[in-house]
Amino acid sequence: MKERFFSIIIPAHNEENYISKAIEAIKNINYPKDNLEVIIVENGSNDKTCKIVKSKITETFKFITIKERGVSKAKNMGIDNLSNKSNWVIFLDADTILLTDFLKNLNNYFELHKDENLSVGTTYVLPLSDLKYARIWFKFYNWGHRFTKSSFSIQIAKTPFLKNVRFDESLNFEEDYKLTNELKKYGKYFFFETLSVLTSTRRFDKYGWFKLFFIWLSYVITPSYFKRKIQYKVVR
């Protein structure tokens, strides 16, 4: 079976509480290291993010720092530094964990669907919290992302198509949704069912599950022009 080359891009702004676990999880992934690169882009942190990253990374990792804040700027910088061997790019939030067999299973999925011209997609995501209501809410959100062809915490894009598509740096919210819609012009959206992607519930814990749902809903129905004025609050 062909082993695809995966690139993982992680934007990291003030992620001292989470980035270490994300790095350690990737280091433990069961996949050939010569078919994997990890690009961490730190942008404007004023905590210990840089120090932690430098102390944790190995030769598989690239670490880039930029002064400009903005998740889209960080992701685009990661795209600009991709290996020429890259087949697929995984955009991963810094508080999101990939379990050991994730890449092997994702590679198998792409092999099974190699004739379907897949271009962009996401995965099933589980909460790091083991609380029952967290698992229930995440089931709801996973269904919603599959139905609306959107994503949360992780996006996966076919590398060649990123030559023509970038994240919109004028957006502070839904930049991933816009990228997904643009990439769907080049191929099919996919939803990879896996139990190997887990993310924190930090934003839900801060705002409350119902309140955050209605905040996101209000953002979704906001006209595109006004979305550019939304200042998405950083939660750390």
Protein backbone atom coordinates (compact mmCIF):
# COMPACT_ATOMS: atom_id res chain seq x y z
CA MET A 1 0.00 0.00 0.00
CA LYS A 2 1.23 3.49 -0.82
CA GLU A 3 2.30 5.45 2.25
CA ARG A 4 1.24 9.02 1.65
CA PHE A 5 3.31 11.94 2.89
CA PHE A 6 1.40 13.84 5.56
CA SER A 7 2.12 17.38 6.69
CA ILE A 8 0.68 18.56 10.00
CA ILE A 9 0.40 22.34 10.50
CA ILE A 10 -0.24 23.61 14.03
CA PRO A 11 -0.79 27.34 14.67
CA ALA A 12 0.28 28.18 18.21
CA HIS A 13 -0.56 31.45 19.94
CA ASN A 14 -0.17 31.38 23.75
CA GLU A 15 -0.58 27.60 23.89
CA GLU A 16 1.73 26.82 26.82
CA ASN A 17 -0.98 24.72 28.52
CA TYR A 18 -1.63 22.45 25.52
CA ILE A 19 1.15 22.40 22.95
CA SER A 20 3.34 19.97 24.88
CA LYS A 21 0.68 17.23 24.85
CA ALA A 22 0.00 17.77 21.13
CA ILE A 23 3.72 17.40 20.33
CA GLU A 24 4.18 14.32 22.49
CA ALA A 25 1.15 12.66 20.87
CA ILE A 26 2.57 13.27 17.38
CA LYS A 27 5.96 11.92 18.42
CA ASN A 28 4.22 8.68 19.42
CA ILE A 29 2.31 8.27 16.16
CA ASN A 30 2.83 4.93 14.45
CA TYR A 31 3.78 6.11 10.95
CA PRO A 32 7.07 6.26 9.01
CA LYS A 33 8.87 9.46 10.00
CA ASP A 34 10.23 9.91 6.48
CA ASN A 35 6.63 10.35 5.29
CA LEU A 36 5.69 12.89 7.94
CA GLU A 37 6.48 16.50 8.72
CA VAL A 38 5.10 18.74 11.45
CA ILE A 39 5.15 22.51 11.07
CA ILE A 40 4.42 24.54 14.20
CA VAL A 41 3.88 28.24 13.55
CA GLU A 42 4.04 30.43 16.65
CA ASN A 43 2.58 33.88 16.14
CA GLY A 44 2.84 36.64 18.70
CA SER A 45 2.84 34.59 21.92
CA ASN A 46 3.76 36.23 25.20
CA ASP A 47 3.83 33.08 27.31
CA LYS A 48 6.13 30.02 27.35
CA THR A 49 4.94 28.54 24.05
CA CYS A 50 8.26 29.08 22.23
CA LYS A 51 10.33 27.68 25.08
CA ILE A 52 8.16 24.58 25.37
CA VAL A 53 8.15 23.88 21.63
CA LYS A 54 11.92 24.22 21.34
CA SER A 55 12.42 21.79 24.22
CA LYS A 56 10.06 19.16 22.76
CA ILE A 57 10.55 19.00 19.02
CA THR A 58 12.68 16.51 17.07
CA GLU A 59 13.96 16.38 13.48
CA THR A 60 10.43 15.63 12.23
CA PHE A 61 9.33 19.13 13.28
CA LYS A 62 9.80 22.55 11.77
CA PHE A 63 9.33 25.51 14.10
CA ILE A 64 8.53 28.92 12.64
CA THR A 65 7.86 32.14 14.51
CA ILE A 66 6.13 35.19 13.08
CA LYS A 67 5.23 38.48 14.75
CA GLU A 68 1.79 38.85 13.20
CA ARG A 69 -1.14 37.46 15.15
CA GLY A 70 -3.97 35.63 13.41
CA VAL A 71 -4.67 31.94 12.92
CA SER A 72 -5.01 32.33 9.14
CA LYS A 73 -1.61 34.03 8.88
CA ALA A 74 -0.07 31.17 10.85
CA LYS A 75 -1.71 28.47 8.72
CA ASN A 76 -0.73 30.21 5.49
CA MET A 77 2.87 30.45 6.69
CA GLY A 78 2.74 26.70 7.31
CA ILE A 79 1.48 26.13 3.77
CA ASP A 80 4.34 28.24 2.38
CA ASN A 81 6.83 25.95 4.14
CA LEU A 82 5.45 22.58 3.08
CA SER A 83 7.75 19.87 1.80
CA ASN A 84 7.65 19.23 -1.93
CA LYS A 85 6.81 15.61 -1.06
CA SER A 86 3.60 16.51 0.77
CA ASN A 87 0.40 14.74 -0.39
CA TRP A 88 -2.02 15.81 2.35
CA VAL A 89 -2.03 18.62 4.92
CA ILE A 90 -3.64 18.28 8.34
CA PHE A 91 -4.43 21.61 10.01
CA LEU A 92 -4.54 20.87 13.71
CA ASP A 93 -5.48 23.05 16.68
CA ALA A 94 -2.81 23.13 19.37
CA ASP A 95 -5.19 21.68 21.97
CA THR A 96 -6.03 18.68 19.78
CA ILE A 97 -4.49 15.22 20.19
CA LEU A 98 -3.90 12.57 17.53
CA LEU A 99 -3.70 9.02 18.84
CA THR A 100 -1.11 6.47 17.77
CA ASP A 101 -2.80 4.87 14.75
CA PHE A 102 -4.47 7.98 13.32
CA LEU A 103 -2.19 8.47 10.29
CA LYS A 104 -2.04 4.77 9.47
CA ASN A 105 -5.84 4.59 9.49
CA LEU A 106 -6.16 7.82 7.53
CA ASN A 107 -3.76 6.46 4.92
CA ASN A 108 -5.88 3.30 4.67
CA TYR A 109 -8.99 5.46 4.23
CA PHE A 110 -7.40 7.37 1.36
CA GLU A 111 -6.33 4.10 -0.25
CA LEU A 112 -9.90 2.79 -0.13
CA HIS A 113 -11.20 6.04 -1.67
CA LYS A 114 -8.32 6.75 -4.05
CA ASP A 115 -10.60 6.85 -7.10
CA GLU A 116 -13.03 9.41 -5.64
CA ASN A 117 -11.01 12.63 -6.11
CA LEU A 118 -11.17 13.69 -2.46
CA SER A 119 -9.99 17.26 -1.90
CA VAL A 120 -10.86 18.34 1.64
CA GLY A 121 -12.52 17.02 4.75
CA THR A 122 -12.47 16.50 8.47
CA THR A 123 -12.85 13.78 11.07
CA TYR A 124 -14.98 12.68 13.96
CA VAL A 125 -13.69 14.50 17.06
CA LEU A 126 -13.99 13.36 20.67
CA PRO A 127 -13.67 15.51 23.81
CA LEU A 128 -10.63 15.09 26.00
CA SER A 129 -13.03 15.45 28.89
CA ASP A 130 -14.70 12.18 29.86
CA LEU A 131 -17.84 13.89 31.13
CA LYS A 132 -21.06 12.41 29.76
CA TYR A 133 -22.57 15.70 28.62
CA ALA A 134 -19.33 16.56 26.77
CA ARG A 135 -19.55 13.31 24.81
CA ILE A 136 -23.22 14.00 24.00
CA TRP A 137 -22.53 17.54 22.81
CA PHE A 138 -19.65 16.37 20.65
CA LYS A 139 -21.88 13.77 18.99
CA PHE A 140 -24.21 16.61 18.10
CA TYR A 141 -21.39 18.76 16.72
CA ASN A 142 -19.91 15.84 14.75
CA TRP A 143 -23.29 15.26 13.13
CA GLY A 144 -23.52 18.98 12.36
CA HIS A 145 -20.09 19.11 10.74
CA ARG A 146 -20.85 16.09 8.59
CA PHE A 147 -24.19 17.57 7.53
CA THR A 148 -22.90 21.11 6.84
CA LYS A 149 -19.54 19.94 5.46
CA SER A 150 -17.66 22.01 8.00
CA SER A 151 -15.07 21.18 10.68
CA PHE A 152 -13.90 21.65 14.24
CA SER A 153 -10.29 21.44 15.51
CA ILE A 154 -8.99 19.61 12.43
CA GLN A 155 -9.14 20.10 8.67
CA ILE A 156 -7.48 17.90 6.04
CA ALA A 157 -6.67 19.19 2.57
CA LYS A 158 -5.01 17.72 -0.51
CA THR A 159 -1.71 19.54 -0.85
CA PRO A 160 -1.63 20.26 -4.63
CA PHE A 161 -4.89 22.22 -4.39
CA LEU A 162 -3.38 24.57 -1.80
CA LYS A 163 -1.31 26.13 -4.57
CA ASN A 164 -4.49 27.93 -5.59
CA VAL A 165 -6.29 28.33 -2.25
CA ARG A 166 -5.29 30.07 0.99
CA PHE A 167 -6.93 30.95 4.28
CA ASP A 168 -8.59 34.38 4.24
CA GLU A 169 -6.44 36.48 6.58
CA SER A 170 -9.15 39.11 6.95
CA LEU A 171 -11.37 36.61 8.81
CA ASN A 172 -11.15 35.89 12.53
CA PHE A 173 -13.90 33.29 12.35
CA GLU A 174 -14.92 30.60 9.83
CA GLU A 175 -11.67 30.93 7.89
CA ASP A 176 -11.57 27.12 7.81
CA TYR A 177 -15.14 26.91 6.51
CA LYS A 178 -14.33 29.31 3.67
CA LEU A 179 -11.22 27.33 2.75
CA THR A 180 -13.22 24.10 2.75
CA ASN A 181 -15.84 25.58 0.41
CA GLU A 182 -13.16 26.77 -1.99
CA LEU A 183 -11.40 23.39 -1.99
CA LYS A 184 -14.68 21.60 -2.73
CA LYS A 185 -14.45 23.13 -6.20
CA TYR A 186 -11.50 20.82 -6.88
CA GLY A 187 -12.93 17.57 -5.52
CA LYS A 188 -15.15 15.85 -2.96
CA TYR A 189 -15.55 16.62 0.72
CA PHE A 190 -15.05 13.66 3.05
CA PHE A 191 -15.80 12.86 6.70
CA PHE A 192 -13.40 10.37 8.23
CA GLU A 193 -14.97 8.39 11.08
CA THR A 194 -12.26 7.76 13.65
CA LEU A 195 -11.91 7.62 17.41
CA SER A 196 -8.32 8.88 17.27
CA VAL A 197 -8.84 12.66 17.37
CA LEU A 198 -9.49 14.31 20.72
CA THR A 199 -9.68 17.98 21.64
CA SER A 200 -10.08 20.11 24.73
CA THR A 201 -13.36 21.62 25.87
CA ARG A 202 -11.75 24.87 27.03
CA ARG A 203 -14.05 27.20 25.11
CA PHE A 204 -17.15 25.29 26.22
CA ASP A 205 -15.91 25.32 29.81
CA LYS A 206 -15.48 29.09 29.73
CA TYR A 207 -18.74 30.10 28.07
CA GLY A 208 -21.04 27.17 28.78
CA TRP A 209 -22.27 24.63 26.25
CA PHE A 210 -25.60 26.25 25.38
CA LYS A 211 -24.24 29.80 25.34
CA LEU A 212 -21.38 28.87 23.05
CA PHE A 213 -23.76 27.07 20.69
CA PHE A 214 -25.85 30.23 20.29
CA ILE A 215 -22.72 32.39 19.92
CA TRP A 216 -21.52 30.18 17.07
CA LEU A 217 -25.00 30.10 15.54
CA SER A 218 -25.13 33.90 15.52
CA TYR A 219 -21.73 34.00 13.80
CA VAL A 220 -22.86 31.51 11.17
CA ILE A 221 -25.89 33.56 10.12
CA THR A 222 -23.96 36.84 10.11
CA PRO A 223 -23.47 38.25 6.57
CA SER A 224 -19.97 37.81 5.15
CA TYR A 225 -19.13 41.53 5.27
CA PHE A 226 -19.76 41.72 9.02
CA LYS A 227 -17.93 38.46 9.72
CA ARG A 228 -14.72 40.28 8.89
CA LYS A 229 -15.38 42.62 11.82
CA ILE A 230 -15.89 39.81 14.34
CA GLN A 231 -13.07 39.62 16.89
CA TYR A 232 -13.02 35.97 17.92
CA LYS A 233 -11.91 35.91 21.56
CA VAL A 234 -8.87 33.86 22.45
CA VAL A 235 -9.52 31.34 25.24
CA ARG A 236 -6.49 29.90 27.01
